[in-house]
C-alpha atoms as a PDB file:
ATOM      1  CA  MET A   1     -23.630  12.131  10.915  1.00  0.00           C
ATOM      2  CA  THR A   2     -22.764  12.765   7.420  1.00  0.00           C
ATOM      3  CA  VAL A   3     -19.730  12.817   5.860  1.00  0.00           C
ATOM      4  CA  GLN A   4     -19.967  16.287   5.236  1.00  0.00           C
ATOM      5  CA  ASP A   5     -20.025  16.980   9.004  1.00  0.00           C
ATOM      6  CA  LYS A   6     -17.058  15.015   9.639  1.00  0.00           C
ATOM      7  CA  ALA A   7     -13.610  17.194  10.084  1.00  0.00           C
ATOM      8  CA  PRO A   8     -10.751  16.210   7.775  1.00  0.00           C
ATOM      9  CA  GLU A   9      -8.673  13.707   9.317  1.00  0.00           C
ATOM     10  CA  ASP A  10      -6.162  10.708   8.135  1.00  0.00           C
ATOM     11  CA  LEU A  11      -8.494   7.965   7.274  1.00  0.00           C
ATOM     12  CA  GLU A  12      -7.354   4.095   5.687  1.00  0.00           C
ATOM     13  CA  VAL A  13      -9.701   1.710   4.047  1.00  0.00           C
ATOM     14  CA  TRP A  14      -9.329  -2.118   4.009  1.00  0.00           C
ATOM     15  CA  ILE A  15     -11.142  -4.990   2.567  1.00  0.00           C
ATOM     16  CA  ASP A  16     -11.803  -8.181   4.399  1.00  0.00           C
ATOM     17  CA  GLN A  17     -11.674 -10.590   1.504  1.00  0.00           C
ATOM     18  CA  ASP A  18     -13.010 -13.318   3.279  1.00  0.00           C
ATOM     19  CA  LEU A  19     -16.831 -11.383   3.122  1.00  0.00           C
ATOM     20  CA  CYS A  20     -16.147  -9.858   0.111  1.00  0.00           C
ATOM     21  CA  THR A  21     -18.770 -11.172  -2.894  1.00  0.00           C
ATOM     22  CA  GLY A  22     -17.174  -9.550  -5.682  1.00  0.00           C
ATOM     23  CA  ASP A  23     -19.764  -7.383  -6.763  1.00  0.00           C
ATOM     24  CA  GLY A  24     -17.604  -4.502  -7.470  1.00  0.00           C
ATOM     25  CA  ILE A  25     -19.974  -1.651  -6.135  1.00  0.00           C
ATOM     26  CA  CYS A  26     -16.827  -0.330  -4.518  1.00  0.00           C
ATOM     27  CA  ALA A  27     -15.058  -0.195  -7.768  1.00  0.00           C
ATOM     28  CA  GLN A  28     -17.804   1.612  -9.365  1.00  0.00           C
ATOM     29  CA  TYR A  29     -18.179   4.020  -6.483  1.00  0.00           C
ATOM     30  CA  ALA A  30     -14.058   4.871  -5.952  1.00  0.00           C
ATOM     31  CA  PRO A  31     -12.198   3.218  -8.836  1.00  0.00           C
ATOM     32  CA  GLU A  32      -9.137   4.992  -7.781  1.00  0.00           C
ATOM     33  CA  VAL A  33      -9.304   3.272  -4.400  1.00  0.00           C
ATOM     34  CA  PHE A  34     -10.973  -0.159  -5.060  1.00  0.00           C
ATOM     35  CA  GLU A  35     -10.433  -2.707  -7.887  1.00  0.00           C
ATOM     36  CA  LEU A  36     -11.489  -6.323  -8.686  1.00  0.00           C
ATOM     37  CA  ASP A  37      -8.505  -8.692  -9.018  1.00  0.00           C
ATOM     38  CA  ILE A  38      -8.135 -12.051 -11.138  1.00  0.00           C
ATOM     39  CA  ASP A  39      -9.753 -13.886  -8.407  1.00  0.00           C
ATOM     40  CA  GLY A  40     -13.070 -11.944  -8.482  1.00  0.00           C
ATOM     41  CA  LEU A  41     -12.427 -10.030  -5.143  1.00  0.00           C
ATOM     42  CA  ALA A  42     -11.981  -6.581  -4.687  1.00  0.00           C
ATOM     43  CA  TYR A  43      -8.811  -4.906  -3.306  1.00  0.00           C
ATOM     44  CA  VAL A  44      -7.733  -1.656  -2.226  1.00  0.00           C
ATOM     45  CA  LYS A  45      -4.957   0.834  -4.029  1.00  0.00           C
ATOM     46  CA  PRO A  46      -2.901   3.444  -2.700  1.00  0.00           C
ATOM     47  CA  PRO A  47      -3.275   6.772  -4.454  1.00  0.00           C
ATOM     48  CA  VAL A  48      -0.693   7.475  -7.074  1.00  0.00           C
ATOM     49  CA  PRO A  49      -0.150  10.314  -9.290  1.00  0.00           C
ATOM     50  CA  ALA A  50      -2.573  11.020 -12.449  1.00  0.00           C
ATOM     51  CA  GLY A  51      -1.283   8.431 -15.168  1.00  0.00           C
ATOM     52  CA  GLU A  52       0.419   6.089 -13.240  1.00  0.00           C
ATOM     53  CA  GLU A  53      -0.877   2.708 -12.351  1.00  0.00           C
ATOM     54  CA  ALA A  54      -1.178   1.415  -8.583  1.00  0.00           C
ATOM     55  CA  ASP A  55      -0.463  -1.877  -7.349  1.00  0.00           C
ATOM     56  CA  LEU A  56      -3.153  -3.706  -5.714  1.00  0.00           C
ATOM     57  CA  LEU A  57      -2.639  -4.372  -1.919  1.00  0.00           C
ATOM     58  CA  THR A  58      -3.358  -7.960  -1.702  1.00  0.00           C
ATOM     59  CA  ALA A  59      -1.784  -8.927   1.460  1.00  0.00           C
ATOM     60  CA  PRO A  60      -4.839  -9.531   4.019  1.00  0.00           C
ATOM     61  CA  GLY A  61      -5.412  -6.490   6.136  1.00  0.00           C
ATOM     62  CA  ALA A  62      -3.671  -4.258   3.948  1.00  0.00           C
ATOM     63  CA  ALA A  63      -5.195  -0.908   4.156  1.00  0.00           C
ATOM     64  CA  ALA A  64      -4.673   2.394   1.668  1.00  0.00           C
ATOM     65  CA  PRO A  65      -4.971   5.999   2.854  1.00  0.00           C
ATOM     66  CA  VAL A  66      -8.036   7.476   1.606  1.00  0.00           C
ATOM     67  CA  PRO A  67      -7.752  10.894  -0.491  1.00  0.00           C
ATOM     68  CA  LEU A  68     -10.142  13.227   0.862  1.00  0.00           C
ATOM     69  CA  PRO A  69     -11.924  14.462  -2.222  1.00  0.00           C
ATOM     70  CA  LEU A  70     -12.761  10.612  -2.523  1.00  0.00           C
ATOM     71  CA  LEU A  71     -14.462  10.401   1.240  1.00  0.00           C
ATOM     72  CA  ARG A  72     -17.869  10.452   0.220  1.00  0.00           C
ATOM     73  CA  ASP A  73     -17.416   7.806  -2.388  1.00  0.00           C
ATOM     74  CA  VAL A  74     -15.346   5.453  -0.161  1.00  0.00           C
ATOM     75  CA  ALA A  75     -17.842   5.744   2.819  1.00  0.00           C
ATOM     76  CA  ALA A  76     -20.787   5.318   0.195  1.00  0.00           C
ATOM     77  CA  SER A  77     -18.839   1.807  -0.931  1.00  0.00           C
ATOM     78  CA  ALA A  78     -18.743   0.741   2.784  1.00  0.00           C
ATOM     79  CA  LYS A  79     -22.705   1.523   2.934  1.00  0.00           C
ATOM     80  CA  GLU A  80     -23.584  -0.228   0.135  1.00  0.00           C
ATOM     81  CA  CYS A  81     -21.273  -3.267  -0.006  1.00  0.00           C
ATOM     82  CA  PRO A  82     -23.385  -6.404   0.219  1.00  0.00           C
ATOM     83  CA  GLY A  83     -20.712  -7.886   1.732  1.00  0.00           C
ATOM     84  CA  ASP A  84     -20.126  -5.717   4.672  1.00  0.00           C
ATOM     85  CA  CYS A  85     -16.282  -6.026   4.067  1.00  0.00           C
ATOM     86  CA  ILE A  86     -15.365  -2.478   3.558  1.00  0.00           C
ATOM     87  CA  HIS A  87     -13.685  -0.603   6.793  1.00  0.00           C
ATOM     88  CA  VAL A  88     -12.770   2.747   7.048  1.00  0.00           C
ATOM     89  CA  ARG A  89     -10.653   3.765  10.154  1.00  0.00           C
ATOM     90  CA  ARG A  90      -8.824   6.369  11.489  1.00  0.00           C
ATOM     91  CA  VAL A  91      -5.193   6.139  11.355  1.00  0.00           C
ATOM     92  CA  SER A  92      -4.654   7.979  14.753  1.00  0.00           C
ATOM     93  CA  ASP A  93      -6.419   5.399  17.047  1.00  0.00           C
ATOM     94  CA  GLY A  94      -7.515   2.690  14.402  1.00  0.00           C
ATOM     95  CA  ALA A  95     -11.159   3.323  15.378  1.00  0.00           C
ATOM     96  CA  GLU A  96     -13.931   2.404  12.411  1.00  0.00           C
ATOM     97  CA  VAL A  97     -15.734   5.574  11.234  1.00  0.00           C
ATOM     98  CA  TYR A  98     -17.549   3.663   8.358  1.00  0.00           C
ATOM     99  CA  GLY A  99     -18.287  -0.089   7.775  1.00  0.00           C
ATOM    100  CA  PRO A 100     -19.712  -2.610   9.732  1.00  0.00           C
ATOM    101  CA  ASP A 101     -18.268  -1.855  12.644  1.00  0.00           C
ATOM    102  CA  ALA A 102     -18.661   1.728  13.110  1.00  0.00           C
ATOM    103  CA  GLU A 103     -20.213   3.081  16.080  1.00  0.00           C
END
C-alpha cells in the first residue's frame, strides 16, 4: 500500500534516539518535521505557523503531529532511515503505519 492509498487520518511521528545514526536523511526529506540537534541526533518538532521557529521535542518518545501535506516526505524518511528509528503511528490506536514496526 502506498501513501496515496491511505485515507487521511491523524498521524504522529517519533524518533528512537538510541537507534539514530545522525545521518540527517530525515531532515533532508522533511525539514519542517525533523531537525538534528547539537548532539548530532535527529528529533521531531511540531508544526508552527510560517515564520515561527519550532522547539525540538527532545523528551524520549516525544511525538509530533504529521501534517497531511508532509506525509509522503515523512513516510519516505522512515523508509530511508539507516537507523530504522523513525516511527509513524495512528493517533487513534497507536498502530505503526510507517517505520520498522509497521505491519
